[in-house]
Amino acid sequence: MFQAPKFLPPLSLMLNDLPANHPRHIAKYLGVSERTIWAWKAAEQAPRPAMLALFWETRWGRSLADAVAYNEAQVHRGLSQCLQREVNQLRAQVEHLEAIGDFGAANSPSWGKK
């Protein structure tokens, strides 16, 4: 899950990084008036929720989201590989036990014999 960044780029940098950076488009995206956007630009600061919403639309926010997704995918890939190795080892143990004798298990035949 994402954690909100502690430090955000200045408002002007984030606004300049947006593809549609006209105050009218930003106001529509955030659900505020265009006048509010002009006031925020003049003060070089907006409320934190608005700053966070804008952050995730910038290259910095997208980069952070991509990095988190990539790292999570790597963790799950490693877990999957580890579990596959364990499955292979357990199958080899079962095949070995089947090869050394018929123990008359109640649930025979196993997957290897039909």
N, C-alpha and C. Protein backbone atom coordinates (compact mmCIF):
# COMPACT_ATOMS: atom_id res chain seq x y z
N MET A 1 0.85 -1.18 0.00
CA MET A 1 0.00 0.00 0.00
C MET A 1 0.89 1.23 0.00
N PHE A 2 0.42 2.27 -0.65
CA PHE A 2 1.20 3.49 -0.74
C PHE A 2 1.22 4.22 0.60
N GLN A 3 2.32 4.84 0.84
CA GLN A 3 2.43 5.76 1.96
C GLN A 3 2.59 7.14 1.35
N ALA A 4 1.90 8.09 1.91
CA ALA A 4 2.00 9.45 1.39
C ALA A 4 3.43 9.94 1.57
N PRO A 5 3.97 10.59 0.54
CA PRO A 5 5.33 11.12 0.66
C PRO A 5 5.40 12.21 1.72
N LYS A 6 6.50 12.22 2.45
CA LYS A 6 6.66 13.24 3.50
C LYS A 6 6.98 14.60 2.89
N PHE A 7 7.77 14.59 1.84
CA PHE A 7 8.18 15.83 1.21
C PHE A 7 7.64 15.87 -0.21
N LEU A 8 7.03 16.97 -0.55
CA LEU A 8 6.46 17.15 -1.88
C LEU A 8 7.20 18.25 -2.61
N PRO A 9 7.30 18.14 -3.93
CA PRO A 9 7.90 19.24 -4.69
C PRO A 9 7.05 20.50 -4.53
N PRO A 10 7.66 21.65 -4.75
CA PRO A 10 6.88 22.89 -4.68
C PRO A 10 5.71 22.85 -5.67
N LEU A 11 4.64 23.55 -5.31
CA LEU A 11 3.43 23.55 -6.13
C LEU A 11 3.72 23.95 -7.57
N SER A 12 4.53 24.99 -7.77
CA SER A 12 4.80 25.45 -9.14
C SER A 12 5.48 24.37 -9.98
N LEU A 13 6.40 23.60 -9.37
CA LEU A 13 7.05 22.51 -10.11
C LEU A 13 6.05 21.43 -10.48
N MET A 14 5.17 21.10 -9.54
CA MET A 14 4.19 20.07 -9.85
C MET A 14 3.23 20.54 -10.94
N LEU A 15 2.80 21.78 -10.86
CA LEU A 15 1.87 22.30 -11.87
C LEU A 15 2.52 22.33 -13.25
N ASN A 16 3.79 22.70 -13.30
CA ASN A 16 4.50 22.72 -14.59
C ASN A 16 4.74 21.32 -15.15
N ASP A 17 4.72 20.33 -14.29
CA ASP A 17 4.98 18.96 -14.72
C ASP A 17 3.71 18.27 -15.25
N LEU A 18 2.57 18.85 -15.01
CA LEU A 18 1.31 18.25 -15.46
C LEU A 18 1.12 18.48 -16.96
N PRO A 19 0.63 17.47 -17.67
CA PRO A 19 0.40 17.64 -19.11
C PRO A 19 -0.62 18.75 -19.40
N ALA A 20 -1.67 18.79 -18.64
CA ALA A 20 -2.69 19.84 -18.80
C ALA A 20 -2.58 20.75 -17.59
N ASN A 21 -1.69 21.75 -17.69
CA ASN A 21 -1.41 22.56 -16.50
C ASN A 21 -2.12 23.90 -16.49
N HIS A 22 -3.12 24.08 -17.31
CA HIS A 22 -3.90 25.32 -17.25
C HIS A 22 -4.76 25.27 -15.99
N PRO A 23 -4.86 26.38 -15.26
CA PRO A 23 -5.65 26.39 -14.02
C PRO A 23 -7.07 25.86 -14.20
N ARG A 24 -7.67 26.05 -15.35
CA ARG A 24 -9.03 25.56 -15.59
C ARG A 24 -9.06 24.03 -15.53
N HIS A 25 -8.08 23.39 -16.15
CA HIS A 25 -8.03 21.92 -16.12
C HIS A 25 -7.72 21.40 -14.72
N ILE A 26 -6.81 22.04 -14.05
CA ILE A 26 -6.45 21.62 -12.69
C ILE A 26 -7.63 21.80 -11.76
N ALA A 27 -8.34 22.91 -11.89
CA ALA A 27 -9.51 23.16 -11.04
C ALA A 27 -10.57 22.08 -11.25
N LYS A 28 -10.79 21.71 -12.49
CA LYS A 28 -11.78 20.67 -12.79
C LYS A 28 -11.34 19.33 -12.19
N TYR A 29 -10.05 19.01 -12.32
CA TYR A 29 -9.51 17.76 -11.78
C TYR A 29 -9.68 17.70 -10.27
N LEU A 30 -9.41 18.82 -9.59
CA LEU A 30 -9.46 18.84 -8.13
C LEU A 30 -10.85 19.15 -7.57
N GLY A 31 -11.76 19.59 -8.43
CA GLY A 31 -13.11 19.91 -7.96
C GLY A 31 -13.17 21.21 -7.19
N VAL A 32 -12.34 22.18 -7.60
CA VAL A 32 -12.34 23.50 -6.97
C VAL A 32 -12.50 24.54 -8.08
N SER A 33 -12.62 25.79 -7.67
CA SER A 33 -12.77 26.85 -8.67
C SER A 33 -11.41 27.23 -9.26
N GLU A 34 -11.47 27.82 -10.43
CA GLU A 34 -10.23 28.29 -11.06
C GLU A 34 -9.61 29.39 -10.21
N ARG A 35 -10.42 30.17 -9.59
CA ARG A 35 -9.93 31.25 -8.71
C ARG A 35 -9.12 30.66 -7.56
N THR A 36 -9.57 29.53 -7.04
CA THR A 36 -8.83 28.87 -5.96
C THR A 36 -7.45 28.46 -6.44
N ILE A 37 -7.37 27.94 -7.65
CA ILE A 37 -6.06 27.53 -8.20
C ILE A 37 -5.15 28.74 -8.31
N TRP A 38 -5.68 29.87 -8.80
CA TRP A 38 -4.87 31.09 -8.91
C TRP A 38 -4.37 31.53 -7.53
N ALA A 39 -5.21 31.42 -6.51
CA ALA A 39 -4.80 31.79 -5.15
C ALA A 39 -3.69 30.86 -4.65
N TRP A 40 -3.84 29.58 -4.91
CA TRP A 40 -2.81 28.63 -4.50
C TRP A 40 -1.50 28.91 -5.22
N LYS A 41 -1.58 29.22 -6.50
CA LYS A 41 -0.36 29.53 -7.26
C LYS A 41 0.32 30.77 -6.70
N ALA A 42 -0.46 31.78 -6.35
CA ALA A 42 0.11 33.02 -5.80
C ALA A 42 0.80 32.76 -4.47
N ALA A 43 0.22 31.88 -3.66
CA ALA A 43 0.79 31.57 -2.35
C ALA A 43 1.87 30.49 -2.43
N GLU A 44 1.97 29.84 -3.62
CA GLU A 44 2.91 28.72 -3.83
C GLU A 44 2.64 27.58 -2.84
N GLN A 45 1.40 27.44 -2.44
CA GLN A 45 1.02 26.37 -1.51
C GLN A 45 -0.46 26.07 -1.67
N ALA A 46 -0.80 24.80 -1.54
CA ALA A 46 -2.19 24.36 -1.57
C ALA A 46 -2.39 23.43 -0.37
N PRO A 47 -3.63 23.15 -0.03
CA PRO A 47 -3.86 22.18 1.06
C PRO A 47 -3.21 20.84 0.73
N ARG A 48 -2.75 20.15 1.75
CA ARG A 48 -2.02 18.90 1.54
C ARG A 48 -2.79 17.89 0.68
N PRO A 49 -4.10 17.69 0.89
CA PRO A 49 -4.80 16.74 0.01
C PRO A 49 -4.70 17.11 -1.47
N ALA A 50 -4.77 18.40 -1.77
CA ALA A 50 -4.64 18.83 -3.17
C ALA A 50 -3.21 18.61 -3.66
N MET A 51 -2.24 18.89 -2.81
CA MET A 51 -0.84 18.67 -3.19
C MET A 51 -0.59 17.18 -3.46
N LEU A 52 -1.16 16.31 -2.62
CA LEU A 52 -0.98 14.87 -2.84
C LEU A 52 -1.66 14.42 -4.12
N ALA A 53 -2.86 14.93 -4.38
CA ALA A 53 -3.56 14.56 -5.62
C ALA A 53 -2.74 14.98 -6.83
N LEU A 54 -2.17 16.16 -6.78
CA LEU A 54 -1.34 16.63 -7.89
C LEU A 54 -0.05 15.83 -7.99
N PHE A 55 0.53 15.49 -6.85
CA PHE A 55 1.80 14.74 -6.83
C PHE A 55 1.68 13.44 -7.61
N TRP A 56 0.58 12.70 -7.40
CA TRP A 56 0.45 11.40 -8.06
C TRP A 56 0.26 11.53 -9.56
N GLU A 57 -0.04 12.72 -10.04
CA GLU A 57 -0.17 12.95 -11.48
C GLU A 57 1.13 13.42 -12.12
N THR A 58 2.12 13.74 -11.32
CA THR A 58 3.41 14.21 -11.84
C THR A 58 4.33 13.02 -12.13
N ARG A 59 5.45 13.30 -12.77
CA ARG A 59 6.43 12.23 -13.04
C ARG A 59 6.98 11.65 -11.75
N TRP A 60 7.06 12.46 -10.69
CA TRP A 60 7.58 11.96 -9.41
C TRP A 60 6.61 10.97 -8.79
N GLY A 61 5.35 11.29 -8.81
CA GLY A 61 4.34 10.38 -8.26
C GLY A 61 4.23 9.10 -9.07
N ARG A 62 4.22 9.23 -10.39
CA ARG A 62 4.15 8.04 -11.25
C ARG A 62 5.39 7.18 -11.07
N SER A 63 6.54 7.81 -10.92
CA SER A 63 7.78 7.07 -10.72
C SER A 63 7.75 6.31 -9.40
N LEU A 64 7.26 6.97 -8.36
CA LEU A 64 7.16 6.30 -7.06
C LEU A 64 6.18 5.12 -7.14
N ALA A 65 5.05 5.32 -7.79
CA ALA A 65 4.07 4.24 -7.92
C ALA A 65 4.67 3.08 -8.72
N ASP A 66 5.38 3.39 -9.79
CA ASP A 66 6.02 2.34 -10.59
C ASP A 66 7.06 1.58 -9.79
N ALA A 67 7.86 2.29 -9.00
CA ALA A 67 8.90 1.64 -8.20
C ALA A 67 8.29 0.71 -7.16
N VAL A 68 7.23 1.16 -6.52
CA VAL A 68 6.57 0.32 -5.51
C VAL A 68 5.98 -0.92 -6.19
N ALA A 69 5.33 -0.74 -7.32
CA ALA A 69 4.73 -1.88 -8.03
C ALA A 69 5.82 -2.87 -8.49
N TYR A 70 6.92 -2.35 -9.00
CA TYR A 70 8.01 -3.21 -9.44
C TYR A 70 8.59 -4.01 -8.27
N ASN A 71 8.84 -3.33 -7.16
CA ASN A 71 9.41 -4.01 -5.99
C ASN A 71 8.46 -5.07 -5.45
N GLU A 72 7.17 -4.77 -5.40
CA GLU A 72 6.19 -5.76 -4.96
C GLU A 72 6.17 -6.96 -5.91
N ALA A 73 6.25 -6.70 -7.20
CA ALA A 73 6.26 -7.80 -8.17
C ALA A 73 7.50 -8.67 -7.98
N GLN A 74 8.65 -8.06 -7.70
CA GLN A 74 9.87 -8.83 -7.48
C GLN A 74 9.75 -9.71 -6.24
N VAL A 75 9.15 -9.18 -5.19
CA VAL A 75 8.97 -9.96 -3.96
C VAL A 75 8.07 -11.16 -4.25
N HIS A 76 6.96 -10.94 -4.95
CA HIS A 76 6.04 -12.04 -5.24
C HIS A 76 6.64 -13.04 -6.23
N ARG A 77 7.45 -12.56 -7.14
CA ARG A 77 8.15 -13.46 -8.07
C ARG A 77 9.09 -14.38 -7.29
N GLY A 78 9.84 -13.80 -6.36
CA GLY A 78 10.74 -14.60 -5.53
C GLY A 78 10.00 -15.61 -4.68
N LEU A 79 8.88 -15.20 -4.12
CA LEU A 79 8.07 -16.11 -3.31
C LEU A 79 7.54 -17.26 -4.18
N SER A 80 7.08 -16.93 -5.36
CA SER A 80 6.57 -17.95 -6.28
C SER A 80 7.67 -18.95 -6.65
N GLN A 81 8.86 -18.45 -6.93
CA GLN A 81 9.97 -19.34 -7.27
C GLN A 81 10.34 -20.24 -6.09
N CYS A 82 10.32 -19.67 -4.90
CA CYS A 82 10.64 -20.44 -3.69
C CYS A 82 9.61 -21.55 -3.49
N LEU A 83 8.34 -21.21 -3.65
CA LEU A 83 7.28 -22.21 -3.48
C LEU A 83 7.36 -23.28 -4.56
N GLN A 84 7.72 -22.90 -5.78
CA GLN A 84 7.86 -23.88 -6.85
C GLN A 84 9.00 -24.85 -6.55
N ARG A 85 10.11 -24.34 -6.01
CA ARG A 85 11.22 -25.23 -5.62
C ARG A 85 10.76 -26.21 -4.53
N GLU A 86 9.98 -25.72 -3.58
CA GLU A 86 9.49 -26.58 -2.51
C GLU A 86 8.56 -27.66 -3.07
N VAL A 87 7.68 -27.29 -3.97
CA VAL A 87 6.78 -28.25 -4.61
C VAL A 87 7.60 -29.32 -5.34
N ASN A 88 8.61 -28.90 -6.08
CA ASN A 88 9.46 -29.85 -6.81
C ASN A 88 10.17 -30.82 -5.86
N GLN A 89 10.67 -30.30 -4.72
CA GLN A 89 11.33 -31.15 -3.74
C GLN A 89 10.36 -32.16 -3.14
N LEU A 90 9.16 -31.70 -2.82
CA LEU A 90 8.16 -32.60 -2.24
C LEU A 90 7.72 -33.67 -3.24
N ARG A 91 7.58 -33.29 -4.51
CA ARG A 91 7.24 -34.29 -5.53
C ARG A 91 8.35 -35.34 -5.65
N ALA A 92 9.60 -34.87 -5.60
CA ALA A 92 10.72 -35.81 -5.68
C ALA A 92 10.71 -36.76 -4.48
N GLN A 93 10.38 -36.27 -3.29
CA GLN A 93 10.31 -37.13 -2.11
C GLN A 93 9.19 -38.16 -2.25
N VAL A 94 8.04 -37.73 -2.74
CA VAL A 94 6.93 -38.67 -2.93
C VAL A 94 7.29 -39.72 -3.97
N GLU A 95 7.91 -39.31 -5.08
CA GLU A 95 8.33 -40.27 -6.10
C GLU A 95 9.33 -41.27 -5.55
N HIS A 96 10.24 -40.79 -4.69
CA HIS A 96 11.22 -41.68 -4.07
C HIS A 96 10.51 -42.69 -3.17
N LEU A 97 9.59 -42.24 -2.36
CA LEU A 97 8.87 -43.14 -1.47
C LEU A 97 8.03 -44.15 -2.26
N GLU A 98 7.44 -43.72 -3.35
CA GLU A 98 6.67 -44.63 -4.19
C GLU A 98 7.58 -45.67 -4.83
N ALA A 99 8.80 -45.25 -5.16
CA ALA A 99 9.74 -46.17 -5.83
C ALA A 99 10.25 -47.25 -4.87
N ILE A 100 10.38 -46.94 -3.59
CA ILE A 100 10.98 -47.93 -2.67
C ILE A 100 9.96 -48.92 -2.13
N GLY A 101 8.69 -48.66 -2.35
CA GLY A 101 7.74 -49.67 -1.88
C GLY A 101 6.30 -49.19 -1.93
N ASP A 102 5.41 -50.17 -1.92
CA ASP A 102 3.99 -49.89 -1.88
C ASP A 102 3.56 -50.02 -0.43
N PHE A 103 3.21 -48.91 0.17
CA PHE A 103 2.88 -48.90 1.58
C PHE A 103 1.38 -49.04 1.83
N GLY A 104 0.61 -49.20 0.76
CA GLY A 104 -0.81 -49.41 0.91
C GLY A 104 -1.54 -48.24 1.53
N ALA A 105 -1.19 -47.05 1.08
CA ALA A 105 -1.85 -45.86 1.63
C ALA A 105 -3.32 -45.87 1.25
N ALA A 106 -4.15 -45.37 2.11
CA ALA A 106 -5.60 -45.35 1.90
C ALA A 106 -5.99 -44.50 0.71
N ASN A 107 -5.19 -43.55 0.36
CA ASN A 107 -5.55 -42.65 -0.74
C ASN A 107 -4.78 -42.96 -2.03
N SER A 108 -4.23 -44.13 -2.16
CA SER A 108 -3.52 -44.52 -3.39
C SER A 108 -4.52 -44.68 -4.52
N PRO A 109 -4.18 -44.54 -5.75
CA PRO A 109 -2.86 -44.19 -6.24
C PRO A 109 -2.61 -42.69 -6.14
N SER A 110 -1.36 -42.32 -6.06
CA SER A 110 -1.01 -40.90 -6.01
C SER A 110 -0.97 -40.36 -7.42
N TRP A 111 -0.61 -39.09 -7.58
CA TRP A 111 -0.66 -38.46 -8.89
C TRP A 111 0.26 -39.10 -9.91
N GLY A 112 1.32 -39.76 -9.45
CA GLY A 112 2.29 -40.33 -10.37
C GLY A 112 1.87 -41.66 -10.96
N LYS A 113 0.99 -42.39 -10.29
CA LYS A 113 0.58 -43.72 -10.77
C LYS A 113 -0.92 -43.74 -11.00
N LYS A 114 -1.32 -44.48 -12.03
CA LYS A 114 -2.76 -44.62 -12.29
C LYS A 114 -3.14 -46.06 -12.44
